[in-house]
Amino acid sequence: QVQLVESGGGLVQPGGSLRLSCAASRSIFTINAMGWSRQAPGKEREAVASLTKGGITNYADSVKGRFTISRDNAKNTVYLQMNSLKPEDTAVYYCNAGTYYRHYYPTDWGQGTQVTVSS
């Protein structure tokens, strides 16, 4: 089990950028996969991006080409770089950790950080 704490959310104008960080309570070197999900008001939570220990990435179609997930094992931190933000990206973003076998299965979750894209 690992505790995850997100940061970096906030208010940004359409077309702008934000970088979310997720600090883990222990070494992430051995964690099989980590990722980000989001939940917009009135909508179900959806997977945004995942990254395996071996470097395999997956992105939701809605964010491909705009978002990039990365991990820094030395800092026990996972990042989500978000560019060309749109109002529909507004949501609470959650960091997660889990396992990957053909699909990503998150098991541990952070508390979330709010991202609001608005002019």
C-alpha atoms as a PDB file:
ATOM      1  CA  GLN A   1       0.000   0.000   0.000  1.00  0.00           C
ATOM      2  CA  VAL A   2       1.163   3.540  -0.702  1.00  0.00           C
ATOM      3  CA  GLN A   3      -0.168   6.960   0.264  1.00  0.00           C
ATOM      4  CA  LEU A   4      -0.385   9.477  -2.561  1.00  0.00           C
ATOM      5  CA  VAL A   5      -0.632  13.260  -2.328  1.00  0.00           C
ATOM      6  CA  GLU A   6      -1.455  15.372  -5.372  1.00  0.00           C
ATOM      7  CA  SER A   7      -0.532  19.007  -5.918  1.00  0.00           C
ATOM      8  CA  GLY A   8      -0.368  21.536  -8.713  1.00  0.00           C
ATOM      9  CA  GLY A   9      -4.030  22.024  -9.480  1.00  0.00           C
ATOM     10  CA  GLY A  10      -5.615  25.412  -9.906  1.00  0.00           C
ATOM     11  CA  LEU A  11      -7.374  27.810 -12.253  1.00  0.00           C
ATOM     12  CA  VAL A  12      -6.009  28.201 -15.771  1.00  0.00           C
ATOM     13  CA  GLN A  13      -7.297  29.825 -18.933  1.00  0.00           C
ATOM     14  CA  PRO A  14      -8.174  27.752 -22.008  1.00  0.00           C
ATOM     15  CA  GLY A  15      -5.038  26.963 -23.962  1.00  0.00           C
ATOM     16  CA  GLY A  16      -2.890  27.155 -20.860  1.00  0.00           C
ATOM     17  CA  SER A  17      -0.778  24.540 -19.099  1.00  0.00           C
ATOM     18  CA  LEU A  18      -0.502  22.957 -15.683  1.00  0.00           C
ATOM     19  CA  ARG A  19       1.748  20.302 -14.217  1.00  0.00           C
ATOM     20  CA  LEU A  20       0.301  18.046 -11.559  1.00  0.00           C
ATOM     21  CA  SER A  21       2.562  16.238  -9.113  1.00  0.00           C
ATOM     22  CA  CYS A  22       1.892  13.125  -7.078  1.00  0.00           C
ATOM     23  CA  ALA A  23       4.182  12.433  -4.138  1.00  0.00           C
ATOM     24  CA  ALA A  24       4.275   8.864  -2.849  1.00  0.00           C
ATOM     25  CA  SER A  25       4.891   7.844   0.753  1.00  0.00           C
ATOM     26  CA  ARG A  26       7.479   5.253  -0.242  1.00  0.00           C
ATOM     27  CA  SER A  27       9.705   4.307  -3.117  1.00  0.00           C
ATOM     28  CA  ILE A  28       7.814   4.023  -6.383  1.00  0.00           C
ATOM     29  CA  PHE A  29      10.611   2.053  -8.023  1.00  0.00           C
ATOM     30  CA  THR A  30       8.846  -1.219  -7.330  1.00  0.00           C
ATOM     31  CA  ILE A  31       5.331  -0.031  -8.107  1.00  0.00           C
ATOM     32  CA  ASN A  32       4.219  -1.785 -11.259  1.00  0.00           C
ATOM     33  CA  ALA A  33       2.202   1.094 -12.675  1.00  0.00           C
ATOM     34  CA  MET A  34       0.943   4.537 -11.754  1.00  0.00           C
ATOM     35  CA  GLY A  35      -1.574   6.821 -13.310  1.00  0.00           C
ATOM     36  CA  TRP A  36      -4.033   9.678 -13.212  1.00  0.00           C
ATOM     37  CA  SER A  37      -7.809   9.713 -13.350  1.00  0.00           C
ATOM     38  CA  ARG A  38     -10.302  12.554 -13.226  1.00  0.00           C
ATOM     39  CA  GLN A  39     -13.890  13.188 -12.296  1.00  0.00           C
ATOM     40  CA  ALA A  40     -15.880  16.103 -13.601  1.00  0.00           C
ATOM     41  CA  PRO A  41     -19.054  17.320 -11.883  1.00  0.00           C
ATOM     42  CA  GLY A  42     -21.948  15.006 -12.631  1.00  0.00           C
ATOM     43  CA  LYS A  43     -19.762  12.535 -14.485  1.00  0.00           C
ATOM     44  CA  GLU A  44     -18.149   9.213 -13.700  1.00  0.00           C
ATOM     45  CA  ARG A  45     -14.472   8.995 -12.886  1.00  0.00           C
ATOM     46  CA  GLU A  46     -12.389   8.286 -15.978  1.00  0.00           C
ATOM     47  CA  ALA A  47      -8.835   7.140 -16.549  1.00  0.00           C
ATOM     48  CA  VAL A  48      -6.619   9.825 -18.050  1.00  0.00           C
ATOM     49  CA  ALA A  49      -3.138   8.342 -18.266  1.00  0.00           C
ATOM     50  CA  SER A  50      -1.022   5.491 -16.956  1.00  0.00           C
ATOM     51  CA  LEU A  51       2.649   4.611 -16.977  1.00  0.00           C
ATOM     52  CA  THR A  52       4.158   1.232 -16.215  1.00  0.00           C
ATOM     53  CA  LYS A  53       7.460   0.574 -14.539  1.00  0.00           C
ATOM     54  CA  GLY A  54       8.736  -0.542 -17.929  1.00  0.00           C
ATOM     55  CA  GLY A  55       7.739   2.692 -19.626  1.00  0.00           C
ATOM     56  CA  ILE A  56       4.474   1.731 -21.333  1.00  0.00           C
ATOM     57  CA  THR A  57       2.089   4.672 -21.461  1.00  0.00           C
ATOM     58  CA  ASN A  58      -1.628   4.827 -22.149  1.00  0.00           C
ATOM     59  CA  TYR A  59      -3.768   7.908 -22.583  1.00  0.00           C
ATOM     60  CA  ALA A  60      -7.457   8.597 -22.918  1.00  0.00           C
ATOM     61  CA  ASP A  61      -8.311   9.619 -26.465  1.00  0.00           C
ATOM     62  CA  SER A  62      -9.494  12.984 -25.191  1.00  0.00           C
ATOM     63  CA  VAL A  63      -6.033  13.934 -23.897  1.00  0.00           C
ATOM     64  CA  LYS A  64      -3.683  12.273 -26.402  1.00  0.00           C
ATOM     65  CA  GLY A  65      -1.151  14.733 -27.741  1.00  0.00           C
ATOM     66  CA  ARG A  66      -1.866  17.226 -24.963  1.00  0.00           C
ATOM     67  CA  PHE A  67      -1.064  15.414 -21.716  1.00  0.00           C
ATOM     68  CA  THR A  68       2.151  13.625 -20.761  1.00  0.00           C
ATOM     69  CA  ILE A  69       2.671  11.340 -17.783  1.00  0.00           C
ATOM     70  CA  SER A  70       6.112  10.794 -16.325  1.00  0.00           C
ATOM     71  CA  ARG A  71       7.717   9.461 -13.158  1.00  0.00           C
ATOM     72  CA  ASP A  72      10.827  10.364 -11.196  1.00  0.00           C
ATOM     73  CA  ASN A  73      11.803   7.332  -9.140  1.00  0.00           C
ATOM     74  CA  ALA A  74      14.476   9.274  -7.255  1.00  0.00           C
ATOM     75  CA  LYS A  75      11.854  11.721  -6.004  1.00  0.00           C
ATOM     76  CA  ASN A  76       9.067   9.138  -5.602  1.00  0.00           C
ATOM     77  CA  THR A  77       6.901  11.406  -7.716  1.00  0.00           C
ATOM     78  CA  VAL A  78       4.656  11.040 -10.734  1.00  0.00           C
ATOM     79  CA  TYR A  79       3.750  13.999 -12.933  1.00  0.00           C
ATOM     80  CA  LEU A  80       1.021  14.888 -15.364  1.00  0.00           C
ATOM     81  CA  GLN A  81       1.957  17.678 -17.758  1.00  0.00           C
ATOM     82  CA  MET A  82      -1.194  19.149 -19.225  1.00  0.00           C
ATOM     83  CA  ASN A  83      -0.977  21.465 -22.232  1.00  0.00           C
ATOM     84  CA  SER A  84      -3.572  23.110 -24.467  1.00  0.00           C
ATOM     85  CA  LEU A  85      -6.126  22.808 -21.705  1.00  0.00           C
ATOM     86  CA  LYS A  86      -9.802  22.972 -22.564  1.00  0.00           C
ATOM     87  CA  PRO A  87     -12.836  23.795 -20.395  1.00  0.00           C
ATOM     88  CA  GLU A  88     -13.854  20.137 -20.644  1.00  0.00           C
ATOM     89  CA  ASP A  89     -10.652  19.205 -18.802  1.00  0.00           C
ATOM     90  CA  THR A  90     -12.115  20.770 -15.675  1.00  0.00           C
ATOM     91  CA  ALA A  91     -12.277  18.060 -13.018  1.00  0.00           C
ATOM     92  CA  VAL A  92     -10.779  16.727  -9.831  1.00  0.00           C
ATOM     93  CA  TYR A  93      -7.650  14.846 -10.793  1.00  0.00           C
ATOM     94  CA  TYR A  94      -6.612  11.791  -8.806  1.00  0.00           C
ATOM     95  CA  CYS A  95      -3.250  10.081  -8.722  1.00  0.00           C
ATOM     96  CA  ASN A  96      -3.241   6.304  -8.383  1.00  0.00           C
ATOM     97  CA  ALA A  97      -0.938   3.319  -8.152  1.00  0.00           C
ATOM     98  CA  GLY A  98      -1.550  -0.286  -9.068  1.00  0.00           C
ATOM     99  CA  THR A  99      -0.705  -3.144 -11.366  1.00  0.00           C
ATOM    100  CA  TYR A 100      -0.628  -3.566 -15.102  1.00  0.00           C
ATOM    101  CA  TYR A 101      -1.406  -6.673 -17.107  1.00  0.00           C
ATOM    102  CA  ARG A 102      -2.866  -5.783 -20.494  1.00  0.00           C
ATOM    103  CA  HIS A 103      -4.804  -3.127 -18.627  1.00  0.00           C
ATOM    104  CA  TYR A 104      -4.045  -0.870 -15.729  1.00  0.00           C
ATOM    105  CA  TYR A 105      -5.662  -1.771 -12.395  1.00  0.00           C
ATOM    106  CA  PRO A 106      -5.284   1.016  -9.807  1.00  0.00           C
ATOM    107  CA  THR A 107      -5.501  -0.002  -6.171  1.00  0.00           C
ATOM    108  CA  ASP A 108      -4.341   3.053  -4.202  1.00  0.00           C
ATOM    109  CA  TRP A 109      -5.672   6.568  -4.649  1.00  0.00           C
ATOM    110  CA  GLY A 110      -4.833  10.081  -3.593  1.00  0.00           C
ATOM    111  CA  GLN A 111      -7.342  12.647  -2.365  1.00  0.00           C
ATOM    112  CA  GLY A 112      -7.396  14.610  -5.585  1.00  0.00           C
ATOM    113  CA  THR A 113      -6.582  18.111  -6.782  1.00  0.00           C
ATOM    114  CA  GLN A 114      -8.979  20.475  -8.531  1.00  0.00           C
ATOM    115  CA  VAL A 115      -8.230  21.695 -12.036  1.00  0.00           C
ATOM    116  CA  THR A 116     -10.464  24.417 -13.446  1.00  0.00           C
ATOM    117  CA  VAL A 117     -10.106  25.619 -17.020  1.00  0.00           C
ATOM    118  CA  SER A 118     -12.007  28.818 -17.533  1.00  0.00           C
ATOM    119  CA  SER A 119     -11.620  32.313 -18.928  1.00  0.00           C
END
